[in-house]
Amino acid sequence: MGFAISHAQYTTVSGTVYDITAQRPLEAVAVLSTSGNGTITDSLGRYSIKVKSTDSIWFSLIGKTTFKYAVDTIANTLNFDIMIHVSAAKLPSVTVRNKNYRLDSIQNRKDYAKYFSFKKPSLQLTPAPAGYNTTPGATVGIDLIEFINMFRFKRTRQLLALQRRLKQQEKDKYIDYRFKKILVIKLTGLASPALDSFMEKYRPDYDLLTTLNDLEFGYYIQQCYEAYKMGLPNPYRFFKKETSDEEE
């Protein structure tokens, strides 16, 4: 008995997203696929997303969502332009920055440099001192401190745990500094206790947040607010950052 194994074919869909006038490109439009991949248009409205040939894709901005387009029905996947029924002239500009955040982050890295740079001990050879009479490339011996540390298992576990905790705290602070109540209030008009519920339910993921500029993040909040009003989960919960072949 024979078995046929099918492998999904991938293709890249790219193009430009325009506003209702079909003249002005739209920045920060979410481009999503049924398999979970996603991307966001750049400042010129351009996008490029890698999807399965069996996927459908759609576009979303401030509660405006297009139809789903089956990838295998798109005639020209390298020039698939779309129009969304919003006016670019009426889109808000969002800029909220804490000038001290970057300085605080740099200082935190300096204060805990020993722990941020910690690596699991390994066997290391000590190079011969300058002027030492030996053959090229020869070594005197091993690094005794590193050798001893290799067997200090409890110390290694504690330092690695501390490093993970410091890195997580750094990520949490970054989210807190950008995902502020004052910004959410400005964009949604919510007040406590609904505001607190929204802040907890739609708190952005660090990896996603680092891909968004201020304007894009403003759109993220507005799209989450539309989902919140309809009792839906975070619309970006399946968002996957596009990676290059080198990163993979």
C-alpha atoms as a PDB file:
ATOM      1  CA  MET A   1       0.000   0.000   0.000  1.00  0.00           C
ATOM      2  CA  GLY A   2       1.417   3.388  -0.926  1.00  0.00           C
ATOM      3  CA  PHE A   3       0.954   6.663   0.889  1.00  0.00           C
ATOM      4  CA  ALA A   4       0.994  10.068  -0.759  1.00  0.00           C
ATOM      5  CA  ILE A   5       2.602  12.815   1.318  1.00  0.00           C
ATOM      6  CA  SER A   6       1.606  16.360   0.427  1.00  0.00           C
ATOM      7  CA  HIS A   7       3.657  19.403   1.309  1.00  0.00           C
ATOM      8  CA  ALA A   8       2.051  22.817   1.374  1.00  0.00           C
ATOM      9  CA  GLN A   9       3.578  25.163  -1.161  1.00  0.00           C
ATOM     10  CA  TYR A  10       4.540  28.630  -0.003  1.00  0.00           C
ATOM     11  CA  THR A  11       4.329  31.837  -1.964  1.00  0.00           C
ATOM     12  CA  THR A  12       4.951  35.509  -1.287  1.00  0.00           C
ATOM     13  CA  VAL A  13       2.136  38.006  -1.683  1.00  0.00           C
ATOM     14  CA  SER A  14       3.113  41.666  -1.886  1.00  0.00           C
ATOM     15  CA  GLY A  15       1.594  44.960  -2.918  1.00  0.00           C
ATOM     16  CA  THR A  16       0.360  48.299  -1.594  1.00  0.00           C
ATOM     17  CA  VAL A  17      -2.649  49.202   0.548  1.00  0.00           C
ATOM     18  CA  TYR A  18      -4.458  52.472  -0.244  1.00  0.00           C
ATOM     19  CA  ASP A  19      -7.181  54.496   1.461  1.00  0.00           C
ATOM     20  CA  ILE A  20     -10.697  55.059   0.113  1.00  0.00           C
ATOM     21  CA  THR A  21      -9.413  57.540  -2.485  1.00  0.00           C
ATOM     22  CA  ALA A  22      -7.144  54.866  -3.973  1.00  0.00           C
ATOM     23  CA  GLN A  23      -4.479  57.589  -4.034  1.00  0.00           C
ATOM     24  CA  ARG A  24      -2.913  57.652  -0.567  1.00  0.00           C
ATOM     25  CA  PRO A  25      -1.013  54.622   0.765  1.00  0.00           C
ATOM     26  CA  LEU A  26      -1.829  53.477   4.297  1.00  0.00           C
ATOM     27  CA  GLU A  27       0.788  52.757   6.934  1.00  0.00           C
ATOM     28  CA  ALA A  28       0.373  50.195   9.738  1.00  0.00           C
ATOM     29  CA  VAL A  29      -2.347  48.108   8.101  1.00  0.00           C
ATOM     30  CA  ALA A  30      -2.374  44.580   9.527  1.00  0.00           C
ATOM     31  CA  VAL A  31      -2.017  41.903   6.842  1.00  0.00           C
ATOM     32  CA  LEU A  32      -3.097  38.514   8.190  1.00  0.00           C
ATOM     33  CA  SER A  33      -3.380  34.984   6.852  1.00  0.00           C
ATOM     34  CA  THR A  34      -5.555  32.042   7.845  1.00  0.00           C
ATOM     35  CA  SER A  35      -2.463  30.032   8.807  1.00  0.00           C
ATOM     36  CA  GLY A  36      -1.451  32.677  11.352  1.00  0.00           C
ATOM     37  CA  ASN A  37       1.312  34.637   9.624  1.00  0.00           C
ATOM     38  CA  GLY A  38       1.068  38.388   9.699  1.00  0.00           C
ATOM     39  CA  THR A  39       2.842  41.587   8.824  1.00  0.00           C
ATOM     40  CA  ILE A  40       2.202  45.338   8.786  1.00  0.00           C
ATOM     41  CA  THR A  41       2.431  47.800   5.911  1.00  0.00           C
ATOM     42  CA  ASP A  42       5.335  50.252   5.949  1.00  0.00           C
ATOM     43  CA  SER A  43       5.238  54.058   5.662  1.00  0.00           C
ATOM     44  CA  LEU A  44       4.581  53.747   1.906  1.00  0.00           C
ATOM     45  CA  GLY A  45       1.720  51.292   2.366  1.00  0.00           C
ATOM     46  CA  ARG A  46       3.771  48.389   1.069  1.00  0.00           C
ATOM     47  CA  TYR A  47       3.631  44.868   2.443  1.00  0.00           C
ATOM     48  CA  SER A  48       5.096  41.449   1.761  1.00  0.00           C
ATOM     49  CA  ILE A  49       3.934  38.257   3.437  1.00  0.00           C
ATOM     50  CA  LYS A  50       4.921  34.621   3.013  1.00  0.00           C
ATOM     51  CA  VAL A  51       1.858  32.345   3.013  1.00  0.00           C
ATOM     52  CA  LYS A  52       0.722  28.869   2.049  1.00  0.00           C
ATOM     53  CA  SER A  53      -0.889  28.453  -1.352  1.00  0.00           C
ATOM     54  CA  THR A  54      -3.987  27.161   0.468  1.00  0.00           C
ATOM     55  CA  ASP A  55      -4.216  30.294   2.655  1.00  0.00           C
ATOM     56  CA  SER A  56      -6.510  33.264   2.456  1.00  0.00           C
ATOM     57  CA  ILE A  57      -5.336  36.740   3.432  1.00  0.00           C
ATOM     58  CA  TRP A  58      -7.165  39.839   4.631  1.00  0.00           C
ATOM     59  CA  PHE A  59      -6.365  43.395   5.659  1.00  0.00           C
ATOM     60  CA  SER A  60      -7.438  45.267   8.799  1.00  0.00           C
ATOM     61  CA  LEU A  61      -7.145  48.839  10.084  1.00  0.00           C
ATOM     62  CA  ILE A  62      -9.075  50.551  12.899  1.00  0.00           C
ATOM     63  CA  GLY A  63     -12.021  48.187  12.724  1.00  0.00           C
ATOM     64  CA  LYS A  64     -12.137  48.194   8.921  1.00  0.00           C
ATOM     65  CA  THR A  65     -11.535  44.704   7.570  1.00  0.00           C
ATOM     66  CA  THR A  66     -11.508  43.562   3.964  1.00  0.00           C
ATOM     67  CA  PHE A  67     -12.858  40.343   2.528  1.00  0.00           C
ATOM     68  CA  LYS A  68     -10.649  37.286   2.695  1.00  0.00           C
ATOM     69  CA  TYR A  69      -8.804  36.656  -0.550  1.00  0.00           C
ATOM     70  CA  ALA A  70      -7.844  33.070  -1.429  1.00  0.00           C
ATOM     71  CA  VAL A  71      -4.162  33.104  -2.363  1.00  0.00           C
ATOM     72  CA  ASP A  72      -4.621  30.631  -5.218  1.00  0.00           C
ATOM     73  CA  THR A  73      -7.099  33.017  -6.886  1.00  0.00           C
ATOM     74  CA  ILE A  74      -4.783  36.047  -6.876  1.00  0.00           C
ATOM     75  CA  ALA A  75      -3.629  36.606 -10.451  1.00  0.00           C
ATOM     76  CA  ASN A  76      -0.473  38.579  -9.620  1.00  0.00           C
ATOM     77  CA  THR A  77       0.786  37.815  -6.128  1.00  0.00           C
ATOM     78  CA  LEU A  78       3.709  40.240  -6.481  1.00  0.00           C
ATOM     79  CA  ASN A  79       1.464  43.224  -7.155  1.00  0.00           C
ATOM     80  CA  PHE A  80      -1.710  42.670  -5.151  1.00  0.00           C
ATOM     81  CA  ASP A  81      -2.919  46.187  -4.306  1.00  0.00           C
ATOM     82  CA  ILE A  82      -5.884  46.728  -1.986  1.00  0.00           C
ATOM     83  CA  MET A  83      -8.087  49.662  -0.978  1.00  0.00           C
ATOM     84  CA  ILE A  84      -9.545  50.028   2.535  1.00  0.00           C
ATOM     85  CA  HIS A  85     -12.566  52.254   3.151  1.00  0.00           C
ATOM     86  CA  VAL A  86     -10.889  54.769   5.466  1.00  0.00           C
ATOM     87  CA  SER A  87      -9.613  58.257   4.733  1.00  0.00           C
ATOM     88  CA  ALA A  88      -5.888  58.702   5.304  1.00  0.00           C
ATOM     89  CA  ALA A  89      -6.473  62.389   6.076  1.00  0.00           C
ATOM     90  CA  LYS A  90      -8.588  61.473   9.115  1.00  0.00           C
ATOM     91  CA  LEU A  91      -6.209  58.946  10.666  1.00  0.00           C
ATOM     92  CA  PRO A  92      -4.761  60.037  14.030  1.00  0.00           C
ATOM     93  CA  SER A  93      -1.101  60.580  14.695  1.00  0.00           C
ATOM     94  CA  VAL A  94       0.140  58.980  17.894  1.00  0.00           C
ATOM     95  CA  THR A  95       3.413  59.922  19.547  1.00  0.00           C
ATOM     96  CA  VAL A  96       4.045  59.037  23.165  1.00  0.00           C
ATOM     97  CA  ARG A  97       7.629  58.667  24.286  1.00  0.00           C
ATOM     98  CA  ASN A  98       9.442  58.637  27.604  1.00  0.00           C
ATOM     99  CA  LYS A  99      12.792  60.299  26.973  1.00  0.00           C
ATOM    100  CA  ASN A 100      14.270  58.771  30.105  1.00  0.00           C
ATOM    101  CA  TYR A 101      13.418  55.165  29.226  1.00  0.00           C
ATOM    102  CA  ARG A 102      16.416  54.499  26.988  1.00  0.00           C
ATOM    103  CA  LEU A 103      18.800  56.069  29.490  1.00  0.00           C
ATOM    104  CA  ASP A 104      17.294  53.978  32.300  1.00  0.00           C
ATOM    105  CA  SER A 105      17.626  50.828  30.201  1.00  0.00           C
ATOM    106  CA  ILE A 106      21.282  51.537  29.377  1.00  0.00           C
ATOM    107  CA  GLN A 107      22.042  52.245  33.030  1.00  0.00           C
ATOM    108  CA  ASN A 108      20.323  49.017  34.075  1.00  0.00           C
ATOM    109  CA  ARG A 109      22.509  47.077  31.628  1.00  0.00           C
ATOM    110  CA  LYS A 110      25.600  48.726  33.105  1.00  0.00           C
ATOM    111  CA  ASP A 111      24.557  48.057  36.698  1.00  0.00           C
ATOM    112  CA  TYR A 112      23.935  44.378  36.010  1.00  0.00           C
ATOM    113  CA  ALA A 113      26.450  43.840  33.201  1.00  0.00           C
ATOM    114  CA  LYS A 114      27.999  40.890  35.031  1.00  0.00           C
ATOM    115  CA  TYR A 115      24.689  39.015  34.985  1.00  0.00           C
ATOM    116  CA  PHE A 116      23.454  40.054  31.533  1.00  0.00           C
ATOM    117  CA  SER A 117      26.710  38.815  29.974  1.00  0.00           C
ATOM    118  CA  PHE A 118      26.943  35.610  32.022  1.00  0.00           C
ATOM    119  CA  LYS A 119      27.475  32.412  30.036  1.00  0.00           C
ATOM    120  CA  LYS A 120      27.478  28.831  31.208  1.00  0.00           C
ATOM    121  CA  PRO A 121      31.077  27.916  32.159  1.00  0.00           C
ATOM    122  CA  SER A 122      33.003  25.788  29.669  1.00  0.00           C
ATOM    123  CA  LEU A 123      36.501  24.422  29.294  1.00  0.00           C
ATOM    124  CA  GLN A 124      38.814  27.164  28.047  1.00  0.00           C
ATOM    125  CA  LEU A 125      42.490  27.014  27.170  1.00  0.00           C
ATOM    126  CA  THR A 126      44.876  29.670  28.390  1.00  0.00           C
ATOM    127  CA  PRO A 127      47.113  31.115  25.623  1.00  0.00           C
ATOM    128  CA  ALA A 128      50.838  31.268  26.109  1.00  0.00           C
ATOM    129  CA  PRO A 129      52.142  34.603  27.460  1.00  0.00           C
ATOM    130  CA  ALA A 130      53.906  36.950  25.056  1.00  0.00           C
ATOM    131  CA  GLY A 131      57.564  36.029  24.715  1.00  0.00           C
ATOM    132  CA  TYR A 132      57.051  32.530  26.068  1.00  0.00           C
ATOM    133  CA  ASN A 133      59.357  30.105  24.260  1.00  0.00           C
ATOM    134  CA  THR A 134      56.947  27.611  22.736  1.00  0.00           C
ATOM    135  CA  THR A 135      55.699  26.469  19.377  1.00  0.00           C
ATOM    136  CA  PRO A 136      53.126  28.633  17.536  1.00  0.00           C
ATOM    137  CA  GLY A 137      49.575  28.040  18.726  1.00  0.00           C
ATOM    138  CA  ALA A 138      50.661  26.143  21.819  1.00  0.00           C
ATOM    139  CA  THR A 139      48.918  26.687  25.152  1.00  0.00           C
ATOM    140  CA  VAL A 140      50.165  26.568  28.680  1.00  0.00           C
ATOM    141  CA  GLY A 141      47.072  24.964  30.162  1.00  0.00           C
ATOM    142  CA  ILE A 142      43.426  25.435  30.990  1.00  0.00           C
ATOM    143  CA  ASP A 143      41.637  28.342  32.604  1.00  0.00           C
ATOM    144  CA  LEU A 144      41.414  27.031  36.180  1.00  0.00           C
ATOM    145  CA  ILE A 145      38.687  29.444  37.262  1.00  0.00           C
ATOM    146  CA  GLU A 146      36.425  28.415  34.376  1.00  0.00           C
ATOM    147  CA  PHE A 147      37.283  24.771  35.004  1.00  0.00           C
ATOM    148  CA  ILE A 148      36.256  25.049  38.665  1.00  0.00           C
ATOM    149  CA  ASN A 149      33.090  26.965  37.764  1.00  0.00           C
ATOM    150  CA  MET A 150      32.052  24.114  35.453  1.00  0.00           C
ATOM    151  CA  PHE A 151      31.373  22.030  38.571  1.00  0.00           C
ATOM    152  CA  ARG A 152      29.639  24.756  40.575  1.00  0.00           C
ATOM    153  CA  PHE A 153      26.249  23.637  39.317  1.00  0.00           C
ATOM    154  CA  LYS A 154      24.150  25.453  41.930  1.00  0.00           C
ATOM    155  CA  ARG A 155      25.948  28.744  41.218  1.00  0.00           C
ATOM    156  CA  THR A 156      25.411  28.332  37.479  1.00  0.00           C
ATOM    157  CA  ARG A 157      21.689  27.602  37.924  1.00  0.00           C
ATOM    158  CA  GLN A 158      21.254  30.623  40.192  1.00  0.00           C
ATOM    159  CA  LEU A 159      23.083  32.990  37.834  1.00  0.00           C
ATOM    160  CA  LEU A 160      21.165  31.757  34.788  1.00  0.00           C
ATOM    161  CA  ALA A 161      17.878  32.154  36.684  1.00  0.00           C
ATOM    162  CA  LEU A 162      18.860  35.688  37.695  1.00  0.00           C
ATOM    163  CA  GLN A 163      19.797  36.491  34.106  1.00  0.00           C
ATOM    164  CA  ARG A 164      16.421  35.258  32.838  1.00  0.00           C
ATOM    165  CA  ARG A 165      14.635  37.283  35.515  1.00  0.00           C
ATOM    166  CA  LEU A 166      16.549  40.465  34.647  1.00  0.00           C
ATOM    167  CA  LYS A 167      15.817  40.044  30.944  1.00  0.00           C
ATOM    168  CA  GLN A 168      12.124  39.444  31.638  1.00  0.00           C
ATOM    169  CA  GLN A 169      11.983  42.514  33.888  1.00  0.00           C
ATOM    170  CA  GLU A 170      13.580  44.535  31.109  1.00  0.00           C
ATOM    171  CA  LYS A 171      10.899  43.348  28.662  1.00  0.00           C
ATOM    172  CA  ASP A 172       8.092  44.058  31.139  1.00  0.00           C
ATOM    173  CA  LYS A 173       9.381  47.593  31.730  1.00  0.00           C
ATOM    174  CA  TYR A 174       9.499  48.211  27.985  1.00  0.00           C
ATOM    175  CA  ILE A 175       5.871  47.101  27.630  1.00  0.00           C
ATOM    176  CA  ASP A 176       4.846  49.252  30.615  1.00  0.00           C
ATOM    177  CA  TYR A 177       6.589  52.308  29.221  1.00  0.00           C
ATOM    178  CA  ARG A 178       4.738  52.092  25.883  1.00  0.00           C
ATOM    179  CA  PHE A 179       1.413  50.541  26.923  1.00  0.00           C
ATOM    180  CA  LYS A 180       0.325  53.399  29.193  1.00  0.00           C
ATOM    181  CA  LYS A 181      -3.147  54.092  30.530  1.00  0.00           C
ATOM    182  CA  ILE A 182      -2.968  57.702  29.349  1.00  0.00           C
ATOM    183  CA  LEU A 183      -2.442  56.511  25.765  1.00  0.00           C
ATOM    184  CA  VAL A 184      -5.228  53.916  25.959  1.00  0.00           C
ATOM    185  CA  ILE A 185      -7.628  56.506  27.405  1.00  0.00           C
ATOM    186  CA  LYS A 186      -6.757  58.928  24.606  1.00  0.00           C
ATOM    187  CA  LEU A 187      -7.453  56.338  21.905  1.00  0.00           C
ATOM    188  CA  THR A 188     -10.435  54.505  23.419  1.00  0.00           C
ATOM    189  CA  GLY A 189     -12.069  56.785  25.984  1.00  0.00           C
ATOM    190  CA  LEU A 190     -12.227  53.899  28.467  1.00  0.00           C
ATOM    191  CA  ALA A 191     -12.338  54.503  32.224  1.00  0.00           C
ATOM    192  CA  SER A 192     -11.851  52.164  35.180  1.00  0.00           C
ATOM    193  CA  PRO A 193     -12.819  49.426  35.801  1.00  0.00           C
ATOM    194  CA  ALA A 194     -13.254  48.717  32.079  1.00  0.00           C
ATOM    195  CA  LEU A 195      -9.870  50.346  31.438  1.00  0.00           C
ATOM    196  CA  ASP A 196      -8.108  48.004  33.861  1.00  0.00           C
ATOM    197  CA  SER A 197      -9.770  44.987  32.278  1.00  0.00           C
ATOM    198  CA  PHE A 198      -8.713  46.146  28.797  1.00  0.00           C
ATOM    199  CA  MET A 199      -5.105  46.783  29.906  1.00  0.00           C
ATOM    200  CA  GLU A 200      -4.835  43.258  31.278  1.00  0.00           C
ATOM    201  CA  LYS A 201      -6.597  41.410  28.452  1.00  0.00           C
ATOM    202  CA  TYR A 202      -4.901  43.196  25.540  1.00  0.00           C
ATOM    203  CA  ARG A 203      -1.426  43.745  26.975  1.00  0.00           C
ATOM    204  CA  PRO A 204       0.878  43.401  23.930  1.00  0.00           C
ATOM    205  CA  ASP A 205       3.529  40.751  23.560  1.00  0.00           C
ATOM    206  CA  TYR A 206       7.095  42.070  23.759  1.00  0.00           C
ATOM    207  CA  ASP A 207       8.197  40.549  20.438  1.00  0.00           C
ATOM    208  CA  LEU A 208       5.238  42.108  18.632  1.00  0.00           C
ATOM    209  CA  LEU A 209       5.647  45.471  20.356  1.00  0.00           C
ATOM    210  CA  THR A 210       9.267  45.808  19.240  1.00  0.00           C
ATOM    211  CA  THR A 211       8.127  45.634  15.595  1.00  0.00           C
ATOM    212  CA  LEU A 212       5.661  48.537  15.954  1.00  0.00           C
ATOM    213  CA  ASN A 213       6.427  52.239  15.775  1.00  0.00           C
ATOM    214  CA  ASP A 214       4.216  54.707  17.658  1.00  0.00           C
ATOM    215  CA  LEU A 215       1.661  55.079  14.875  1.00  0.00           C
ATOM    216  CA  GLU A 216       1.438  51.327  14.308  1.00  0.00           C
ATOM    217  CA  PHE A 217       1.038  50.757  18.036  1.00  0.00           C
ATOM    218  CA  GLY A 218      -1.785  53.288  18.134  1.00  0.00           C
ATOM    219  CA  TYR A 219      -3.585  51.257  15.467  1.00  0.00           C
ATOM    220  CA  TYR A 220      -2.904  48.092  17.461  1.00  0.00           C
ATOM    221  CA  ILE A 221      -4.698  49.594  20.466  1.00  0.00           C
ATOM    222  CA  GLN A 222      -7.634  50.754  18.358  1.00  0.00           C
ATOM    223  CA  GLN A 223      -8.055  47.343  16.752  1.00  0.00           C
ATOM    224  CA  CYS A 224      -7.913  45.704  20.176  1.00  0.00           C
ATOM    225  CA  TYR A 225     -10.592  48.150  21.331  1.00  0.00           C
ATOM    226  CA  GLU A 226     -12.859  47.096  18.468  1.00  0.00           C
ATOM    227  CA  ALA A 227     -12.333  43.475  19.530  1.00  0.00           C
ATOM    228  CA  TYR A 228     -12.986  44.415  23.168  1.00  0.00           C
ATOM    229  CA  LYS A 229     -16.361  45.990  22.333  1.00  0.00           C
ATOM    230  CA  MET A 230     -17.403  42.789  20.569  1.00  0.00           C
ATOM    231  CA  GLY A 231     -16.107  40.541  23.346  1.00  0.00           C
ATOM    232  CA  LEU A 232     -13.400  39.061  21.122  1.00  0.00           C
ATOM    233  CA  PRO A 233      -9.840  38.057  22.059  1.00  0.00           C
ATOM    234  CA  ASN A 234      -6.726  39.946  21.003  1.00  0.00           C
ATOM    235  CA  PRO A 235      -6.797  40.086  17.172  1.00  0.00           C
ATOM    236  CA  TYR A 236      -3.010  39.836  17.155  1.00  0.00           C
ATOM    237  CA  ARG A 237      -2.822  36.675  19.263  1.00  0.00           C
ATOM    238  CA  PHE A 238      -1.729  34.633  16.219  1.00  0.00           C
ATOM    239  CA  PHE A 239       0.637  37.285  14.909  1.00  0.00           C
ATOM    240  CA  LYS A 240       3.994  35.847  13.858  1.00  0.00           C
ATOM    241  CA  LYS A 241       6.899  38.095  13.054  1.00  0.00           C
ATOM    242  CA  GLU A 242       8.257  37.453   9.601  1.00  0.00           C
ATOM    243  CA  THR A 243      11.834  36.160   9.776  1.00  0.00           C
ATOM    244  CA  SER A 244      14.547  35.939   7.174  1.00  0.00           C
ATOM    245  CA  ASP A 245      16.238  32.693   6.181  1.00  0.00           C
ATOM    246  CA  GLU A 246      19.278  33.726   8.220  1.00  0.00           C
ATOM    247  CA  GLU A 247      17.169  34.182  11.361  1.00  0.00           C
ATOM    248  CA  GLU A 248      15.466  30.819  10.876  1.00  0.00           C
END
